[in-house]
Protein backbone atom coordinates (compact mmCIF):
# COMPACT_ATOMS: atom_id res chain seq x y z
CA MET A 1 14.73 3.66 -139.40
CA TYR A 2 15.39 1.24 -142.24
CA MET A 3 16.06 -1.56 -139.72
CA ILE A 4 12.81 -0.85 -137.86
CA ILE A 5 10.84 -1.01 -141.12
CA MET A 6 12.50 -4.29 -142.09
CA ILE A 7 11.83 -5.87 -138.66
CA SER A 8 8.19 -4.79 -138.74
CA ALA A 9 7.74 -6.14 -142.26
CA TYR A 10 9.31 -9.46 -141.26
CA ALA A 11 7.11 -9.74 -138.17
CA HIS A 12 3.99 -9.10 -140.24
CA THR A 13 4.77 -11.71 -142.89
CA ALA A 14 6.01 -14.21 -140.30
CA TYR A 15 2.96 -14.40 -138.08
CA ALA A 16 0.29 -13.88 -140.75
CA ASP A 17 0.39 -17.52 -141.90
CA SER A 18 -1.81 -18.83 -139.06
CA SER A 19 -5.44 -17.77 -138.89
CA VAL A 20 -7.16 -20.03 -136.31
CA LEU A 21 -5.98 -21.14 -132.88
CA LEU A 22 -7.65 -23.65 -130.54
CA LEU A 23 -6.37 -23.36 -126.96
CA LEU A 24 -6.92 -25.78 -124.04
CA LYS A 25 -5.77 -24.25 -120.76
CA GLY A 26 -5.63 -24.48 -117.01
CA SER A 27 -5.84 -21.41 -114.78
CA PHE A 28 -5.22 -20.09 -111.29
CA THR A 29 -6.95 -17.02 -109.82
CA THR A 30 -5.23 -15.34 -106.88
CA ASN A 31 -8.33 -14.46 -104.82
CA THR A 32 -12.12 -14.67 -104.61
CA ARG A 33 -14.26 -13.02 -101.95
CA ILE A 34 -17.55 -14.31 -100.53
CA PHE A 35 -19.74 -11.66 -98.88
CA TYR A 36 -22.38 -12.90 -96.41
CA ASN A 37 -25.84 -11.65 -95.35
CA THR A 38 -26.12 -9.42 -98.41
CA ASP A 39 -29.87 -9.13 -97.93
CA ASN A 40 -29.31 -7.41 -94.56
CA PRO A 41 -27.20 -4.20 -94.79
CA GLN A 42 -26.73 -4.08 -91.01
CA ALA A 43 -25.16 -7.56 -90.96
CA PHE A 44 -23.36 -7.21 -94.30
CA SER A 45 -19.83 -7.21 -92.90
CA GLU A 46 -18.51 -10.78 -92.87
CA ILE A 47 -16.17 -11.69 -95.74
CA SER A 48 -14.25 -14.88 -96.57
CA ASN A 49 -11.30 -14.93 -98.95
CA VAL A 50 -10.76 -18.00 -101.13
CA SER A 51 -7.07 -18.05 -102.03
CA SER A 52 -6.96 -21.25 -104.11
CA ASN A 53 -9.07 -20.92 -107.25
CA TYR A 54 -8.43 -23.34 -110.10
CA GLY A 55 -10.01 -23.57 -113.51
CA ILE A 56 -10.01 -25.31 -116.86
CA GLY A 57 -11.15 -23.88 -120.15
CA ALA A 58 -10.98 -23.65 -123.91
CA GLU A 59 -10.59 -20.72 -126.26
CA VAL A 60 -10.83 -20.15 -130.01
CA ARG A 61 -8.99 -17.23 -131.62
CA ILE A 62 -9.41 -16.12 -135.21
CA ARG A 63 -7.17 -13.62 -137.00
CA THR A 64 -9.16 -10.81 -138.65
CA PHE A 65 -8.66 -8.87 -141.87
CA TRP A 66 -7.14 -6.00 -139.84
CA GLU A 67 -3.67 -7.54 -139.82
CA ARG A 68 -2.65 -7.50 -136.16
CA TRP A 69 -6.12 -7.88 -134.64
CA VAL A 70 -7.36 -11.24 -133.36
CA LEU A 71 -10.84 -12.08 -132.06
CA GLY A 72 -11.37 -14.75 -129.42
CA ILE A 73 -14.12 -16.46 -127.45
CA ALA A 74 -13.31 -18.39 -124.27
CA VAL A 75 -15.27 -20.66 -121.93
CA GLU A 76 -13.92 -21.47 -118.48
CA LYS A 77 -14.96 -23.28 -115.31
CA ILE A 78 -13.45 -21.87 -112.10
CA SER A 79 -13.99 -23.18 -108.59
CA GLY A 80 -12.56 -22.66 -105.14
CA SER A 81 -13.37 -23.71 -101.58
CA PHE A 82 -12.12 -23.77 -98.01
CA GLU A 83 -12.92 -25.85 -94.91
CA ARG A 84 -13.40 -24.80 -91.30
CA LYS A 85 -14.64 -26.22 -87.99
CA SER A 86 -17.03 -24.57 -85.55
CA VAL A 87 -17.85 -25.45 -81.95
CA TYR A 88 -21.42 -26.59 -81.24
CA LEU A 89 -22.74 -27.09 -77.70
CA GLY A 90 -24.87 -30.20 -77.89
CA PRO A 91 -26.64 -32.30 -75.24
CA THR A 92 -23.43 -34.27 -74.62
CA GLY A 93 -21.10 -31.25 -74.57
CA HIS A 94 -19.01 -29.40 -77.10
CA ILE A 95 -18.38 -30.97 -80.52
CA LEU A 96 -16.50 -29.71 -83.56
CA VAL A 97 -18.71 -29.35 -86.63
CA PRO A 98 -16.88 -29.34 -90.00
CA TRP A 99 -18.20 -27.10 -92.74
CA SER A 100 -17.04 -26.02 -96.16
CA ASP A 101 -17.79 -23.02 -98.32
CA GLY A 102 -16.95 -22.20 -101.90
CA TYR A 103 -18.28 -21.54 -105.36
CA GLU A 104 -18.31 -22.61 -108.98
CA LEU A 105 -18.21 -19.92 -111.69
CA LEU A 106 -18.62 -20.19 -115.46
CA PRO A 107 -17.22 -17.23 -117.43
CA VAL A 108 -17.89 -16.86 -121.16
CA GLU A 109 -15.73 -14.06 -122.56
CA VAL A 110 -15.34 -12.41 -125.97
CA SER A 111 -12.03 -10.63 -126.53
CA ALA A 112 -10.10 -8.62 -129.09
CA PHE A 113 -6.29 -8.90 -129.08
CA TYR A 114 -3.70 -6.65 -130.65
CA VAL A 115 -0.49 -8.41 -131.70
CA VAL A 116 2.51 -6.24 -130.78
CA PRO A 117 4.73 -5.47 -133.84
CA ILE A 118 7.82 -7.13 -132.31
CA SER A 119 6.07 -10.50 -132.67
CA SER A 120 7.33 -13.16 -135.07
CA ASN A 121 6.26 -16.57 -136.28
CA THR A 122 7.82 -18.15 -133.17
CA PHE A 123 6.95 -15.65 -130.45
CA GLU A 124 3.78 -13.58 -130.34
CA PHE A 125 3.08 -10.86 -127.75
CA TYR A 126 -0.45 -9.53 -127.46
CA LEU A 127 -2.66 -7.14 -125.48
CA GLY A 128 -6.43 -7.24 -125.33
CA GLY A 129 -9.74 -6.95 -123.55
CA GLY A 130 -13.44 -7.47 -123.99
CA LEU A 131 -16.78 -8.43 -122.48
CA GLY A 132 -17.72 -11.38 -120.31
CA TYR A 133 -20.89 -13.14 -119.15
CA TYR A 134 -20.53 -14.68 -115.68
CA THR A 135 -22.80 -17.15 -113.93
CA GLY A 136 -22.29 -19.76 -111.23
CA LYS A 137 -23.35 -20.96 -107.80
CA ARG A 138 -22.25 -21.15 -104.18
CA LYS A 139 -21.30 -24.56 -102.73
CA TYR A 140 -21.90 -24.61 -98.97
CA SER A 141 -22.23 -27.64 -96.69
CA ILE A 142 -22.23 -28.46 -92.98
CA GLY A 143 -21.07 -31.94 -92.04
CA ARG A 144 -22.23 -34.21 -94.84
CA THR A 145 -25.26 -32.09 -95.70
CA ALA A 146 -24.98 -29.78 -98.69
CA SER A 147 -27.21 -26.80 -99.30
CA ARG A 148 -28.87 -26.32 -102.65
CA SER A 149 -28.56 -23.30 -104.89
CA THR A 150 -31.99 -21.69 -105.29
CA ASP A 151 -31.17 -18.47 -107.16
CA VAL A 152 -28.23 -17.00 -109.07
CA HIS A 153 -28.10 -13.63 -110.83
CA SER A 154 -25.73 -13.70 -113.81
CA VAL A 155 -23.80 -10.52 -114.65
CA MET A 156 -21.91 -8.90 -117.51
CA GLY A 157 -18.45 -7.46 -117.04
CA ILE A 158 -15.27 -6.31 -118.77
CA HIS A 159 -11.73 -7.67 -118.69
CA VAL A 160 -8.26 -6.69 -119.88
CA SER A 161 -5.44 -9.10 -120.61
CA THR A 162 -1.94 -9.65 -121.91
CA GLY A 163 -0.08 -12.76 -122.99
CA ILE A 164 2.59 -14.50 -125.01
CA ARG A 165 2.49 -17.41 -127.43
CA TRP A 166 5.45 -19.63 -128.32
CA LYS A 167 4.96 -21.68 -131.48
CA PHE A 168 7.39 -24.61 -131.22
CA THR A 169 6.12 -26.63 -134.22
CA SER A 170 4.09 -25.78 -137.30
CA LEU A 171 0.89 -26.94 -135.56
CA LEU A 172 1.53 -26.60 -131.80
CA ALA A 173 2.15 -23.65 -129.48
CA LEU A 174 2.28 -22.84 -125.80
CA ASP A 175 0.24 -19.89 -124.56
CA ALA A 176 0.61 -18.01 -121.26
CA HIS A 177 -1.99 -15.41 -120.34
CA MET A 178 -2.75 -12.92 -117.57
CA ARG A 179 -6.26 -11.48 -117.20
CA PHE A 180 -7.79 -8.79 -114.95
CA ARG A 181 -11.55 -8.97 -114.23
CA ASP A 182 -13.88 -8.23 -111.33
CA PRO A 183 -17.33 -9.85 -111.72
CA GLN A 184 -19.64 -10.13 -108.72
CA ILE A 185 -22.71 -12.38 -108.72
CA ASN A 186 -25.51 -12.74 -106.16
CA ALA A 187 -26.27 -16.28 -104.98
CA VAL A 188 -28.97 -17.73 -102.70
CA ASN A 189 -28.67 -21.11 -100.97
CA GLN A 190 -30.95 -23.07 -98.69
CA PHE A 191 -30.84 -26.34 -96.73
CA SER A 192 -33.56 -28.88 -97.45
CA GLU A 193 -32.95 -30.67 -94.12
CA HIS A 194 -33.51 -29.30 -90.64
CA SER A 195 -30.41 -30.92 -89.12
CA THR A 196 -27.29 -32.92 -89.93
CA LEU A 197 -25.69 -35.77 -87.98
CA VAL A 198 -22.16 -35.06 -86.68
CA GLY A 199 -20.54 -37.52 -84.26
CA GLY A 200 -23.91 -39.01 -83.38
CA VAL A 201 -25.39 -35.61 -82.55
CA ASN A 202 -28.09 -33.84 -84.56
CA VAL A 203 -26.78 -30.36 -85.37
CA PRO A 204 -29.50 -27.90 -86.43
CA LEU A 205 -29.12 -26.22 -89.82
CA VAL A 206 -29.99 -22.65 -90.75
CA GLN A 207 -33.49 -22.48 -92.17
CA GLY A 208 -34.50 -20.01 -94.82
CA PRO A 209 -32.54 -18.50 -97.70
CA MET A 210 -28.86 -17.55 -97.27
CA HIS A 211 -27.85 -14.57 -99.43
CA THR A 212 -24.25 -14.14 -100.54
CA GLN A 213 -22.19 -12.35 -103.18
CA ILE A 214 -19.28 -14.04 -104.97
CA ASN A 215 -16.60 -11.63 -106.19
CA LEU A 216 -13.91 -13.03 -108.51
CA ASN A 217 -11.49 -10.15 -107.91
CA GLY A 218 -8.05 -11.78 -108.20
CA ILE A 219 -5.63 -11.86 -111.13
CA ASN A 220 -6.22 -14.82 -113.45
CA TYR A 221 -3.12 -16.64 -114.71
CA SER A 222 -3.55 -19.32 -117.36
CA ALA A 223 -1.37 -21.51 -119.54
CA GLY A 224 -2.12 -24.16 -122.08
CA LEU A 225 -1.44 -25.97 -125.31
CA ALA A 226 -2.69 -24.52 -128.58
CA ILE A 227 -3.34 -26.11 -131.96
CA VAL A 228 -2.61 -23.61 -134.74
CA PHE A 229 -4.26 -23.91 -138.16
């Protein structure tokens, strides 16, 4: 028992010397789903999975008066896309029409972290969670013609997270983080043109609004360099 008390006391005095952390990070999210025809329940069945989702962001964390509790606010830009080809029967026969689909999402999240007592001045383990505000847009194009985003409904959501920080100098640290979140935003896109030119053939474009939902449902892994004050 005496040893446990001594270790806890050391951990408290060791990590309490830093109060502000500025983190610049890159991230990877394991999966994002795009749901199509969300305005039509009878046709609301087609789903695309985006498996490569990369992001960059920044976060500020401030240690509070409650010893092991840290407050943080993070801003991130996450995007992902995929490319396909479809067959179009034109006046000269079948042609392959390239198209791409994806999204761009901007999360702003406020978190509270609890620093686990085994932490020290060199290594810090933490658990946390909080609220997020999520907005973004769908990025959809056929050939060289891109659709425009006409409407996006931003949403609020919650997240939980865990991570570790390794302070290797008095001012610099490496931070690795894992976050669970599941925001889903509605997006509407529309083509301004009636057709696009592919291989010398005019390929007609869908007219009218295209309703989709973007669901960032994968695990978010991030790592970055932190400046500790």
